[in-house]
Protein backbone atom coordinates (compact mmCIF):
# COMPACT_ATOMS: atom_id res chain seq x y z
CA MET A 1 5.30 33.46 30.36
CA LYS A 2 7.35 35.50 27.29
CA LYS A 3 9.80 32.27 27.41
CA PHE A 4 6.84 29.89 27.28
CA PHE A 5 5.49 32.13 24.22
CA VAL A 6 8.91 32.34 22.44
CA PHE A 7 8.75 28.18 22.50
CA CYS A 8 5.50 28.10 21.35
CA LEU A 9 6.00 30.15 18.35
CA LEU A 10 9.50 28.06 17.67
CA SER A 11 7.01 24.72 18.35
CA MET A 12 4.78 26.21 15.58
CA ARG A 13 7.39 27.24 12.87
CA LEU A 14 8.71 23.83 12.80
CA LYS A 15 5.66 22.19 12.77
CA ALA A 16 4.63 24.33 9.65
CA ALA A 17 9.08 23.48 8.58
CA ALA A 18 8.21 19.96 9.01
CA GLN A 19 4.80 20.49 6.86
CA LYS A 20 6.94 21.26 3.86
CA THR A 21 8.37 19.02 0.87
CA PRO A 22 12.21 18.64 0.81
CA PHE A 23 11.19 20.10 -2.75
CA GLU A 24 10.02 23.24 -1.46
CA LEU A 25 12.24 23.75 1.39
CA SER A 26 14.84 23.19 -1.93
CA GLY A 27 13.28 26.29 -3.50
CA LYS A 28 11.41 24.10 -6.25
CA ILE A 29 14.29 22.42 -7.41
CA GLU A 30 15.29 18.95 -5.79
CA THR A 31 13.17 15.92 -5.76
CA SER A 32 12.03 14.05 -2.55
CA THR A 33 14.69 10.86 -1.14
CA TYR A 34 12.66 7.96 -0.75
CA ASN A 35 13.59 8.12 3.35
CA ALA A 36 12.70 11.54 3.56
CA ALA A 37 8.96 10.75 1.53
CA ILE A 38 8.59 7.77 3.87
CA THR A 39 9.31 9.96 6.90
CA TYR A 40 6.68 12.81 5.98
CA TYR A 41 3.75 10.81 5.28
CA GLU A 42 4.77 8.78 8.42
CA ASN A 43 4.91 12.41 10.15
CA LEU A 44 1.42 13.34 8.45
CA THR A 45 -0.48 9.65 9.64
CA LYS A 46 0.42 11.19 13.17
CA THR A 47 -1.17 14.60 12.70
CA TYR A 48 -4.20 13.65 10.74
CA PRO A 49 -6.48 10.47 11.60
CA GLU A 50 -7.50 10.03 7.91
CA ALA A 51 -4.38 9.52 6.69
CA LYS A 52 -2.86 6.00 7.18
CA LEU A 53 -0.04 4.59 5.96
CA PHE A 54 0.47 0.67 4.88
CA THR A 55 2.98 -1.14 3.86
CA TYR A 56 2.92 -4.68 1.22
CA GLY A 57 4.94 -7.47 0.59
CA ARG A 58 9.15 -6.71 -0.60
CA THR A 59 10.58 -4.74 -3.04
CA ASP A 60 14.27 -6.07 -4.68
CA PHE A 61 16.19 -3.31 -2.64
CA GLY A 62 14.40 -5.33 0.21
CA LYS A 63 12.21 -2.30 1.92
CA PRO A 64 8.68 -3.11 1.58
CA LEU A 65 6.44 -0.81 -0.90
CA HIS A 66 3.91 1.40 0.96
CA VAL A 67 0.49 3.01 0.18
CA LEU A 68 -0.77 5.93 1.76
CA VAL A 69 -4.54 6.06 1.73
CA LEU A 70 -6.89 8.98 2.79
CA SER A 71 -9.94 8.66 3.94
CA ARG A 72 -12.64 11.17 5.04
CA ASP A 73 -14.65 9.53 7.00
CA ARG A 74 -11.27 7.48 8.68
CA VAL A 75 -12.67 3.37 7.10
CA PHE A 76 -9.42 2.12 5.18
CA ASP A 77 -10.70 -1.71 4.79
CA PRO A 78 -11.55 -1.57 1.32
CA SER A 79 -13.66 -4.34 0.71
CA GLU A 80 -15.58 -2.28 3.63
CA ILE A 81 -14.84 1.11 1.22
CA ARG A 82 -16.48 -0.36 -1.39
CA LYS A 83 -20.32 -1.45 0.69
CA GLN A 84 -19.80 1.78 0.99
CA ASN A 85 -19.72 2.08 -2.59
CA LYS A 86 -16.87 4.66 -2.82
CA ARG A 87 -14.53 4.86 -6.02
CA ILE A 88 -10.78 3.98 -4.56
CA LEU A 89 -8.00 6.19 -7.05
CA LEU A 90 -4.73 4.78 -6.85
CA ILE A 91 -1.92 7.48 -7.68
CA ASN A 92 1.58 5.28 -8.28
CA ASN A 93 5.06 7.54 -8.67
CA GLY A 94 8.47 7.14 -9.66
CA ILE A 95 8.22 3.94 -11.61
CA HIS A 96 11.04 5.71 -13.29
CA PRO A 97 12.57 7.60 -10.47
CA GLY A 98 14.72 9.76 -12.82
CA GLU A 99 10.41 10.87 -13.63
CA PRO A 100 9.91 12.21 -10.42
CA GLU A 101 7.04 15.00 -10.42
CA GLY A 102 4.66 13.13 -8.90
CA VAL A 103 6.56 12.01 -6.04
CA ASP A 104 6.91 15.85 -4.79
CA ALA A 105 3.26 16.86 -6.47
CA SER A 106 1.65 13.96 -4.19
CA MET A 107 3.19 14.42 -1.12
CA MET A 108 1.67 18.44 -1.19
CA LEU A 109 -1.38 17.07 -2.31
CA ALA A 110 -2.03 15.00 0.84
CA ARG A 111 -1.14 17.65 3.06
CA ASP A 112 -2.73 19.66 1.43
CA LEU A 113 -6.18 18.12 1.16
CA LEU A 114 -5.46 17.13 5.22
CA LYS A 115 -4.31 20.53 6.34
CA ALA A 116 -7.99 21.80 4.36
CA GLY A 117 -10.29 19.57 5.30
CA LYS A 118 -10.97 18.71 2.17
CA LEU A 119 -10.95 15.19 1.67
CA PRO A 120 -13.87 13.86 -1.36
CA LYS A 121 -16.82 12.41 0.05
CA ASP A 122 -16.91 9.34 -2.24
CA VAL A 123 -13.01 8.73 -2.90
CA VAL A 124 -10.52 6.81 -1.09
CA ILE A 125 -7.03 8.55 -2.32
CA CYS A 126 -3.91 5.57 -2.20
CA ILE A 127 -1.22 7.29 -3.24
CA ILE A 128 2.21 5.03 -3.88
CA PRO A 129 5.06 7.49 -2.61
CA LEU A 130 7.57 5.97 -4.75
CA TYR A 131 7.53 2.63 -6.73
CA ASN A 132 10.83 1.76 -7.94
CA ILE A 133 12.80 2.17 -4.70
CA ASP A 134 15.85 0.55 -5.80
CA GLY A 135 15.89 3.11 -8.54
CA SER A 136 15.67 6.23 -6.52
CA PHE A 137 18.77 5.13 -4.28
CA ASN A 138 20.56 4.88 -7.64
CA ARG A 139 20.67 9.02 -7.33
CA SER A 140 22.12 11.65 -9.56
CA GLY A 141 21.86 14.57 -11.78
CA THR A 142 23.27 13.18 -15.41
CA SER A 143 21.40 9.48 -16.29
CA ARG A 144 18.60 11.38 -17.81
CA ALA A 145 20.51 13.68 -20.40
CA ASN A 146 17.53 15.39 -21.63
CA GLN A 147 16.13 16.71 -18.64
CA ASN A 148 15.79 19.76 -17.18
CA GLY A 149 16.26 19.59 -13.70
CA PRO A 150 15.65 18.68 -10.57
CA VAL A 151 18.79 18.13 -8.98
CA ALA A 152 19.15 15.23 -7.98
CA TYR A 153 17.12 11.54 -9.07
CA GLY A 154 17.19 8.44 -9.12
CA PHE A 155 17.73 5.42 -11.89
CA ARG A 156 15.21 4.05 -14.27
CA GLY A 157 16.02 0.29 -14.06
CA ASN A 158 15.85 -0.71 -10.55
CA SER A 159 18.51 -3.39 -8.02
CA LYS A 160 18.13 -5.98 -11.07
CA ASN A 161 18.45 -3.23 -13.66
CA LEU A 162 14.68 -4.17 -14.67
CA ASP A 163 12.24 -1.46 -16.16
CA LEU A 164 9.52 -2.10 -13.65
CA ASN A 165 6.68 -0.33 -16.55
CA ARG A 166 7.91 -3.85 -18.71
CA ASP A 167 7.30 -5.47 -15.73
CA PHE A 168 3.67 -6.04 -15.46
CA ILE A 169 2.86 -9.27 -16.81
CA LYS A 170 6.50 -11.61 -16.44
CA THR A 171 6.81 -10.32 -12.51
CA ASP A 172 10.65 -10.75 -12.65
CA SER A 173 10.70 -8.13 -9.52
CA LYS A 174 9.24 -7.84 -6.06
CA ASN A 175 8.25 -4.98 -6.42
CA SER A 176 5.76 -6.26 -8.99
CA ALA A 177 4.55 -8.58 -7.01
CA ALA A 178 4.43 -5.98 -4.08
CA PHE A 179 1.97 -3.79 -6.99
CA GLN A 180 -0.24 -6.51 -7.84
CA LEU A 181 -0.78 -7.40 -4.52
CA ILE A 182 -1.43 -3.74 -3.94
CA PHE A 183 -3.59 -2.74 -7.19
CA ASN A 184 -5.74 -6.66 -6.04
CA THR A 185 -6.73 -5.94 -3.03
CA TRP A 186 -7.90 -2.14 -3.46
CA GLN A 187 -9.44 -2.75 -6.31
CA PRO A 188 -9.28 0.97 -7.63
CA GLU A 189 -11.17 2.12 -10.65
CA ILE A 190 -9.10 5.54 -11.66
CA PHE A 191 -5.45 4.81 -11.73
CA VAL A 192 -2.30 6.77 -12.57
CA ASP A 193 0.79 6.31 -13.15
CA THR A 194 3.03 9.63 -13.07
CA HIS A 195 5.71 10.14 -15.80
CA THR A 196 7.79 12.71 -17.35
CA SER A 197 8.26 12.18 -21.24
CA ASN A 198 11.55 12.82 -24.14
CA GLY A 199 11.79 13.80 -27.86
CA ALA A 200 9.85 16.78 -29.96
CA ASP A 201 9.79 20.83 -28.37
CA TYR A 202 6.72 22.13 -28.12
CA GLN A 203 4.36 24.11 -25.57
CA TYR A 204 2.56 21.74 -23.71
CA VAL A 205 4.17 21.22 -19.15
CA MET A 206 1.71 18.69 -19.60
CA THR A 207 0.71 15.81 -21.43
CA LEU A 208 -1.78 12.51 -21.68
CA ILE A 209 -1.31 8.83 -22.13
CA PRO A 210 -5.29 7.97 -21.24
CA THR A 211 -5.45 3.87 -21.37
CA GLN A 212 -5.93 3.01 -25.49
CA LYS A 213 -9.59 3.96 -25.65
CA ASP A 214 -10.07 0.76 -28.13
CA LYS A 215 -9.37 -2.04 -25.65
CA LEU A 216 -11.35 -1.30 -23.08
CA ASN A 217 -15.16 -2.27 -22.24
CA PRO A 218 -17.26 -0.18 -24.88
CA ILE A 219 -18.80 1.50 -21.35
CA LEU A 220 -15.83 2.28 -19.89
CA SER A 221 -14.29 3.61 -23.42
CA GLY A 222 -17.43 5.12 -23.80
CA TYR A 223 -17.06 7.47 -20.73
CA LEU A 224 -13.47 7.54 -20.96
CA THR A 225 -13.44 9.46 -24.18
CA LYS A 226 -16.37 11.93 -23.89
CA THR A 227 -16.45 12.28 -20.75
CA LEU A 228 -13.16 12.08 -18.75
CA VAL A 229 -10.63 12.59 -21.00
CA PRO A 230 -12.46 15.82 -22.27
CA ASP A 231 -13.25 17.30 -19.18
CA LEU A 232 -9.73 16.92 -17.61
CA TYR A 233 -8.72 18.42 -20.42
CA LYS A 234 -10.80 21.43 -19.27
CA GLY A 235 -10.03 21.69 -15.44
CA MET A 236 -6.18 21.96 -17.35
CA GLU A 237 -7.01 24.63 -19.96
CA LYS A 238 -8.92 26.44 -16.87
CA MET A 239 -6.14 26.18 -13.93
CA GLY A 240 -3.41 27.78 -16.60
CA TYR A 241 -1.85 23.80 -17.37
CA PRO A 242 -2.90 23.25 -21.62
CA MET A 243 -2.73 20.02 -22.34
CA ILE A 244 -2.45 17.58 -25.52
CA PRO A 245 -2.19 13.97 -25.46
CA TYR A 246 1.50 12.40 -25.45
CA VAL A 247 3.56 13.60 -29.16
CA ASN A 248 3.64 9.76 -30.12
CA SER A 249 5.27 12.01 -33.74
CA ILE A 250 5.53 9.63 -37.20
CA GLY A 251 8.33 11.26 -38.55
CA GLU A 252 10.93 13.94 -36.90
CA THR A 253 8.57 16.72 -35.54
CA PRO A 254 5.20 16.56 -34.68
CA GLU A 255 4.13 18.41 -37.54
CA SER A 256 3.85 15.19 -39.34
CA GLY A 257 0.95 13.90 -36.76
CA ILE A 258 0.52 11.44 -34.21
CA THR A 259 -0.47 7.74 -33.49
CA GLY A 260 -2.14 6.81 -30.07
CA PHE A 261 0.33 4.79 -27.87
CA ILE A 262 -1.12 0.90 -27.31
CA ASP A 263 -0.04 -0.06 -23.59
CA PRO A 264 0.28 -3.53 -24.09
CA PRO A 265 -0.14 -5.32 -20.52
CA ARG A 266 3.36 -4.80 -20.02
CA TYR A 267 3.23 -1.65 -18.95
CA SER A 268 1.18 -0.10 -15.88
CA THR A 269 -1.63 0.84 -17.89
CA GLY A 270 -1.55 -1.92 -19.93
CA TYR A 271 -1.87 -3.89 -16.97
CA THR A 272 -4.44 -2.29 -15.32
CA THR A 273 -7.25 -2.34 -18.06
CA LEU A 274 -7.15 -6.34 -18.12
CA HIS A 275 -8.86 -5.09 -14.97
CA ASN A 276 -11.66 -3.21 -16.29
CA THR A 277 -9.80 -0.22 -14.30
CA ILE A 278 -9.17 3.34 -16.60
CA GLY A 279 -5.74 3.88 -16.43
CA PHE A 280 -3.64 6.86 -17.20
CA MET A 281 -0.34 8.04 -17.55
CA PRO A 282 0.65 11.71 -17.87
CA GLU A 283 4.01 12.72 -18.85
CA THR A 284 5.49 16.34 -18.54
CA HIS A 285 7.67 17.91 -20.48
CA MET A 286 12.05 16.93 -19.82
CA LEU A 287 12.56 20.44 -21.12
CA LYS A 288 10.65 22.30 -18.73
CA ALA A 289 11.32 24.14 -15.41
CA TYR A 290 10.68 21.23 -12.70
CA ASP A 291 9.04 23.68 -10.49
CA LEU A 292 6.16 23.75 -13.73
CA ARG A 293 5.91 20.45 -14.02
CA VAL A 294 5.53 19.24 -10.24
CA TYR A 295 2.22 21.67 -10.06
CA ALA A 296 1.34 20.71 -13.65
CA THR A 297 1.40 16.80 -11.84
CA TYR A 298 -0.05 18.40 -8.42
CA LYS A 299 -2.84 20.30 -10.62
CA LEU A 300 -3.78 17.03 -12.43
CA LEU A 301 -4.05 15.13 -10.14
CA GLN A 302 -6.21 17.88 -8.06
CA THR A 303 -8.09 17.30 -11.54
CA TYR A 304 -8.69 13.93 -10.99
CA ILE A 305 -9.96 13.75 -7.56
CA GLN A 306 -12.77 16.99 -8.63
CA LEU A 307 -13.42 14.60 -11.50
CA VAL A 308 -14.23 11.13 -9.26
CA GLU A 309 -15.63 12.64 -6.75
CA ARG A 310 -17.93 14.25 -8.95
CA ASP A 311 -18.69 11.10 -11.27
CA ALA A 312 -18.20 8.76 -8.20
CA LYS A 313 -21.93 6.72 -8.63
CA VAL A 314 -21.36 6.77 -12.79
CA ILE A 315 -18.31 5.64 -12.58
CA GLY A 316 -18.90 2.75 -9.81
CA GLU A 317 -21.68 0.89 -12.25
CA ASN A 318 -19.69 1.42 -15.47
CA LYS A 319 -17.43 -0.54 -13.60
CA ARG A 320 -20.27 -3.62 -12.05
CA LYS A 321 -21.62 -3.38 -15.66
CA ALA A 322 -18.11 -4.24 -17.39
CA ASP A 323 -17.12 -6.43 -15.04
CA GLU A 324 -20.46 -8.66 -15.93
CA LEU A 325 -20.06 -7.73 -20.00
CA VAL A 326 -16.44 -9.52 -19.89
CA ALA A 327 -17.32 -12.07 -17.50
CA ALA A 328 -20.16 -13.44 -20.13
CA GLN A 329 -17.65 -12.00 -23.47
CA LYS A 330 -16.73 -14.55 -25.96
CA GLU A 331 -14.30 -13.34 -27.96
CA PHE A 332 -11.27 -11.75 -27.05
CA PRO A 333 -8.46 -9.49 -29.00
CA LEU A 334 -5.39 -10.70 -28.37
CA GLU A 335 -3.30 -8.22 -31.03
CA TRP A 336 -3.54 -4.69 -32.13
CA LYS A 337 -2.98 -2.87 -35.08
CA LEU A 338 -3.89 1.05 -35.95
CA ASN A 339 -6.25 1.89 -38.56
CA LYS A 340 -4.25 3.88 -41.05
CA THR A 341 -7.36 5.58 -42.27
CA GLU A 342 -9.02 6.85 -39.70
CA VAL A 343 -8.02 10.18 -38.90
CA ASN A 344 -8.60 13.74 -36.23
CA ASP A 345 -7.34 16.90 -36.41
CA LEU A 346 -5.93 18.97 -33.52
CA THR A 347 -4.81 21.93 -32.70
CA PHE A 348 -0.93 21.88 -31.78
CA LYS A 349 0.48 24.46 -30.26
CA GLY A 350 5.03 23.58 -30.95
CA PHE A 351 7.93 25.56 -32.08
CA GLU A 352 9.13 25.86 -36.08
CA ALA A 353 11.38 23.25 -36.21
CA GLY A 354 15.12 23.96 -38.21
CA GLN A 355 18.34 22.25 -39.82
CA LYS A 356 22.14 23.68 -38.41
CA PRO A 357 25.23 22.89 -38.54
CA SER A 358 25.96 19.95 -35.83
CA MET A 359 29.17 20.96 -33.74
CA VAL A 360 29.59 17.79 -32.91
CA SER A 361 29.69 16.60 -36.65
CA GLY A 362 29.16 19.27 -39.14
CA ALA A 363 26.82 17.75 -40.36
CA ASP A 364 22.76 19.43 -40.65
CA ARG A 365 21.15 18.78 -36.94
CA LEU A 366 17.20 19.26 -35.94
CA TYR A 367 16.87 21.81 -33.23
CA TYR A 368 13.58 23.54 -32.47
CA ASP A 369 13.84 27.91 -32.37
CA ARG A 370 11.77 28.14 -29.32
CA SER A 371 11.61 32.46 -30.56
CA LYS A 372 9.27 31.00 -32.85
CA PRO A 373 6.38 29.38 -31.34
CA TYR A 374 3.33 28.19 -33.73
CA THR A 375 -0.12 27.07 -33.67
CA LYS A 376 -0.71 24.29 -36.54
CA THR A 377 -3.70 22.29 -37.42
CA ILE A 378 -1.84 18.31 -37.14
CA LYS A 379 -3.02 14.92 -38.00
CA GLU A 380 -3.96 12.44 -34.85
CA TRP A 381 -4.47 8.95 -35.43
CA ASN A 382 -5.59 6.37 -32.40
CA LYS A 383 -7.73 4.32 -33.98
CA PHE A 384 -6.86 1.00 -32.99
CA GLU A 385 -8.62 -2.52 -33.95
CA PRO A 386 -8.27 -6.05 -33.81
CA ALA A 387 -5.23 -8.01 -35.19
CA VAL A 388 -5.80 -11.88 -33.44
CA SER A 389 -8.48 -12.70 -31.79
CA ILE A 390 -9.86 -15.90 -29.99
CA GLN A 391 -12.36 -17.22 -29.24
CA LYS A 392 -12.45 -18.25 -25.49
CA PRO A 393 -12.84 -21.94 -24.12
CA VAL A 394 -15.18 -22.93 -21.12
CA ALA A 395 -12.16 -23.36 -18.58
CA TYR A 396 -8.06 -23.30 -18.92
CA ILE A 397 -6.16 -26.51 -17.80
CA ILE A 398 -3.15 -25.98 -15.93
CA PRO A 399 -0.64 -29.32 -14.68
CA LYS A 400 0.78 -28.74 -11.09
CA ALA A 401 3.93 -28.08 -12.89
CA TRP A 402 3.65 -24.73 -13.22
CA ASP A 403 3.18 -23.28 -10.22
CA ARG A 404 4.28 -20.07 -10.72
CA VAL A 405 1.66 -19.17 -13.41
CA ILE A 406 -0.23 -20.18 -10.67
CA ALA A 407 0.79 -17.70 -8.42
CA LEU A 408 0.63 -15.30 -10.43
CA LEU A 409 -3.30 -15.61 -11.75
CA LYS A 410 -4.23 -15.93 -7.71
CA LEU A 411 -2.35 -12.72 -7.11
CA ASN A 412 -4.81 -11.11 -9.50
CA ASN A 413 -7.87 -12.09 -8.17
CA VAL A 414 -8.05 -15.64 -10.44
CA LYS A 415 -10.47 -18.25 -9.22
CA ILE A 416 -8.72 -21.16 -9.36
CA ARG A 417 -10.12 -25.03 -9.51
CA GLU A 418 -8.22 -28.31 -8.09
CA LEU A 419 -8.91 -31.77 -9.49
CA LYS A 420 -9.93 -34.32 -6.54
CA ASN A 421 -8.91 -36.89 -8.92
CA ASP A 422 -6.92 -38.53 -11.32
CA GLN A 423 -8.96 -38.06 -14.73
CA LYS A 424 -8.68 -38.47 -18.05
CA ILE A 425 -10.38 -35.32 -20.39
CA GLU A 426 -11.03 -33.83 -23.95
CA VAL A 427 -9.45 -30.93 -24.75
CA GLU A 428 -8.35 -28.76 -27.10
CA SER A 429 -4.28 -29.26 -27.53
CA TYR A 430 -2.08 -26.45 -28.76
CA TYR A 431 1.40 -27.54 -30.62
CA ILE A 432 3.94 -24.33 -31.19
CA ASP A 433 4.12 -24.28 -34.49
CA ASP A 434 6.24 -21.25 -35.06
CA PHE A 435 7.36 -18.38 -33.90
CA LYS A 436 10.11 -15.17 -33.81
CA THR A 437 12.64 -15.25 -30.64
CA GLY A 438 14.04 -12.10 -30.04
CA THR A 439 18.00 -11.09 -31.12
CA ARG A 440 18.77 -10.05 -27.98
CA PRO A 441 17.80 -9.61 -25.00
CA TYR A 442 14.69 -7.37 -23.38
CA GLU A 443 14.24 -6.55 -20.27
CA GLY A 444 15.99 -10.02 -18.74
CA HIS A 445 13.87 -12.32 -21.82
CA TYR A 446 14.26 -13.23 -25.26
CA LEU A 447 10.65 -12.64 -26.09
CA HIS A 448 8.82 -14.46 -29.09
CA SER A 449 6.30 -13.25 -30.65
CA ALA A 450 4.17 -13.99 -34.42
CA VAL A 451 3.36 -17.27 -32.76
CA LYS A 452 2.08 -20.08 -34.98
CA LEU A 453 -0.33 -22.92 -33.60
CA ASN A 454 -2.08 -25.94 -34.42
CA THR A 455 -4.63 -27.43 -32.50
CA LEU A 456 -5.73 -30.97 -32.23
CA LYS A 457 -8.11 -32.44 -29.80
CA GLN A 458 -6.76 -34.91 -27.56
CA ASN A 459 -7.96 -37.19 -24.14
CA LEU A 460 -5.10 -36.10 -22.06
CA GLN A 461 -4.50 -37.78 -17.91
CA TYR A 462 -4.36 -35.18 -15.48
CA TYR A 463 -3.95 -35.56 -12.13
CA ALA A 464 -5.35 -34.72 -8.88
CA GLY A 465 -4.03 -31.55 -7.86
CA ASP A 466 -3.96 -29.70 -11.35
CA PHE A 467 -5.33 -26.60 -11.92
CA VAL A 468 -8.64 -25.57 -13.62
CA VAL A 469 -9.50 -22.43 -14.59
CA TYR A 470 -12.98 -21.07 -15.68
CA VAL A 471 -13.20 -18.40 -17.96
CA ASN A 472 -15.81 -16.85 -16.71
CA GLN A 473 -15.14 -14.14 -14.27
CA PRO A 474 -14.12 -9.91 -14.49
CA VAL A 475 -10.74 -11.00 -14.49
CA ASN A 476 -11.37 -13.02 -17.85
CA ARG A 477 -9.52 -10.19 -20.15
CA TYR A 478 -6.52 -11.13 -17.50
CA ILE A 479 -7.09 -14.83 -17.69
CA VAL A 480 -6.90 -14.85 -21.58
CA GLU A 481 -4.16 -12.52 -22.40
CA THR A 482 -1.69 -14.87 -20.26
CA LEU A 483 -2.49 -17.62 -21.42
CA GLU A 484 -3.09 -17.77 -25.09
CA PRO A 485 0.49 -17.93 -26.17
CA GLN A 486 -0.16 -15.88 -29.52
CA ALA A 487 -1.05 -12.50 -27.62
CA THR A 488 0.96 -10.40 -27.30
CA ASP A 489 2.70 -10.52 -23.75
CA SER A 490 1.86 -14.01 -22.62
CA TYR A 491 3.54 -16.34 -20.49
CA PHE A 492 4.70 -17.92 -23.49
CA ASN A 493 5.99 -14.98 -24.95
CA TRP A 494 8.05 -13.88 -21.95
CA ASN A 495 9.06 -17.54 -22.39
CA PHE A 496 7.58 -19.65 -18.80
CA PHE A 497 6.96 -22.25 -21.12
CA ASP A 498 10.12 -22.51 -22.74
CA SER A 499 11.24 -26.04 -22.19
CA ILE A 500 8.87 -27.88 -24.02
CA LEU A 501 10.60 -26.47 -27.26
CA ASP A 502 13.33 -28.31 -26.31
CA MET A 503 13.16 -32.92 -27.46
CA LYS A 504 13.98 -34.88 -24.50
CA GLU A 505 14.71 -38.44 -26.74
CA HIS A 506 15.94 -38.99 -30.38
CA TYR A 507 17.82 -41.33 -32.03
CA SER A 508 21.19 -42.56 -34.11
CA ALA A 509 20.01 -42.55 -38.07
CA TYR A 510 21.71 -45.02 -38.79
CA VAL A 511 19.59 -47.59 -36.18
CA PHE A 512 16.78 -45.47 -36.89
CA GLU A 513 17.11 -46.20 -41.04
CA ASP A 514 15.82 -50.01 -40.22
CA THR A 515 13.62 -48.92 -37.98
CA ALA A 516 12.27 -46.19 -40.46
CA THR A 517 12.31 -48.65 -43.09
CA VAL A 518 9.50 -50.81 -41.40
CA LEU A 519 7.53 -48.18 -40.69
CA LEU A 520 7.41 -46.68 -43.97
CA LYS A 521 6.63 -50.51 -45.11
CA ASN A 522 3.71 -51.02 -42.56
CA ASN A 523 1.66 -47.80 -42.87
CA PRO A 524 1.11 -46.53 -46.69
CA GLU A 525 -0.21 -43.53 -45.59
CA LEU A 526 3.01 -42.74 -43.91
CA GLN A 527 4.67 -43.05 -47.15
CA HIS A 528 2.60 -41.06 -49.19
CA LYS A 529 2.69 -38.34 -47.14
CA LEU A 530 6.43 -38.47 -47.31
CA GLU A 531 6.67 -38.74 -51.50
CA ALA A 532 4.00 -35.62 -51.13
CA LYS A 533 6.68 -33.84 -49.28
CA LYS A 534 9.16 -34.48 -51.08
CA ALA A 535 7.73 -33.97 -54.32
CA SER A 536 6.48 -30.18 -52.97
CA ASP A 537 10.05 -28.70 -51.10
CA ALA A 538 12.65 -29.83 -53.65
CA GLU A 539 15.21 -28.64 -50.95
CA PHE A 540 13.47 -31.44 -48.34
CA ALA A 541 14.15 -34.17 -51.56
CA LYS A 542 17.23 -33.58 -51.82
CA ASN A 543 17.81 -34.09 -47.78
CA ALA A 544 18.13 -37.31 -46.58
CA ALA A 545 18.24 -36.28 -42.74
CA ALA A 546 15.29 -33.84 -43.40
CA GLN A 547 13.53 -37.33 -44.06
CA LEU A 548 14.77 -39.60 -41.94
CA ASP A 549 13.41 -36.85 -39.18
CA PHE A 550 10.11 -36.63 -40.88
CA VAL A 551 9.35 -39.86 -40.69
CA TYR A 552 10.43 -40.05 -36.68
CA LYS A 553 8.16 -37.20 -36.03
CA ASN A 554 5.27 -38.50 -37.37
CA SER A 555 6.12 -41.78 -35.66
CA ASP A 556 4.66 -42.80 -32.59
CA TYR A 557 8.21 -42.87 -31.65
CA TYR A 558 8.38 -38.91 -31.47
CA GLU A 559 7.54 -37.61 -27.86
CA LYS A 560 4.53 -36.42 -27.52
CA THR A 561 4.78 -33.31 -25.58
CA HIS A 562 7.66 -31.45 -27.83
CA ASN A 563 6.25 -28.42 -28.79
CA ARG A 564 2.56 -28.93 -26.89
CA TYR A 565 1.99 -26.15 -24.99
CA PRO A 566 0.79 -27.00 -21.38
CA VAL A 567 -1.98 -24.68 -20.72
CA ALA A 568 -4.84 -27.15 -22.09
CA ARG A 569 -8.35 -25.53 -23.18
CA LEU A 570 -11.35 -27.07 -22.48
CA VAL A 571 -14.46 -26.58 -25.26
CA THR A 572 -17.46 -28.47 -23.88
CA ASP A 573 -18.79 -27.87 -20.48
CA VAL A 574 -18.03 -31.89 -18.94
CA LYS A 575 -17.99 -32.35 -15.65
CA LEU A 576 -15.17 -32.73 -13.78
CA ASP A 577 -14.52 -34.01 -10.34
CA LEU A 578 -13.02 -30.97 -8.32
CA LYS A 579 -12.40 -29.66 -5.16
């Protein structure tokens, strides 16, 4: 009997220890490895039927992406969850594995909710344990030189050295494709992507970047700014972790004022905005002790759950209305600019900054004096306005050759039709007149920007199997911001269509000189255009080769597809023979 009692006691202790996270077992100085995190979640699902661990796709590291789903009613079918009018909260951790607070906080939070039987009634919680699996295996304690712990952590880049928080449109990584499959399967109303900050020193453990309010549909933006964000701040204040907006300083120190963060679709929260999902990037302060950062993240995630449960019906109705409005929306912004005249006062708790001689160079250097905390009013600029907008077409037509584009559209729940038969269609075509390209690679691409277009109406031949995308869908923003070449993170700017920028045919000058003479003789209008160009451009008037090229490019010999963007706009609702 005594032996049996000792065995039971030992079993209970082992079970209790097994439910502790690597962070807790280390004395709160270490973060979990990928293998330990997955094993931990697998054990939770064996103990609690309210938890289920799913896998999706593959990552560049060869492993699948996991999602832990916590459902009080033990319903794990996302379509059934939506039918039951429950909200879905998606938490993403370890997109930068050197910023691992969310990894550890989510493990503890899942356990505590399950153990206490306190899963919310109207919210299903989805947790990606560790998104950048590749980077998490590249473990050290030195890659983030400005960070105070944990003892060891992963690396920002994945196994292709990609920053996955720049990969949500171009999708160069398998990780991104797996994430988009998760996101578009579960279709969360609220998304949280946990991070750690870099930059100025101040008193706060936690800072917050919400989806840029001005980019959201007004219904979602109104709820975000008037209810959700203020109540997050109140909740964290009450729990002993007061927050401040992400400290994006204009000058060297926060006293110069801060600006809001514009999150284009390459970023996680910019991507989720395209789907009418409210997103957040909480950023703990890198110089605070690691345990404080983990517990601040824990408390923030706890607060999200409480607020989404409280406002479940409102959040669901807001999302439904936003989807309807975006499906009917006519005009779409493509680029944004900061309004520098609209400014807010913000109470800020910082540390006095000063200058002292550098021990490296001897020159003066910035430092913050933690013995001199202050509370001051600083300026915040957080109003963004459209810089470029476009009227949507009826549809976009995409030749079937561009299969990578089609695959990404389908991955993002875009409804696509196919032409049944060959057909000539009057469309609006873009010709790329000008653009700028980065002089150094950025995330594996020479990114384009400042695109200038020439728009022409043309009757073009399309073929059976070419694709038609009607712009009457809740995912209109994803459609427009990827397919319009001027958009900041368009497929064009990410080099998907660079082959159209090459000429495939040309001429030998000595032969074409005679042809050009005949062309000018038989075409007085072309002769006039040439003379006008000479009169208006002195350099051109002196450049014989440029003049010959001008004649060539204004003749029928010049290939019509050079610089023609292959995605055409259907601007009138003509009858198409579609599958």
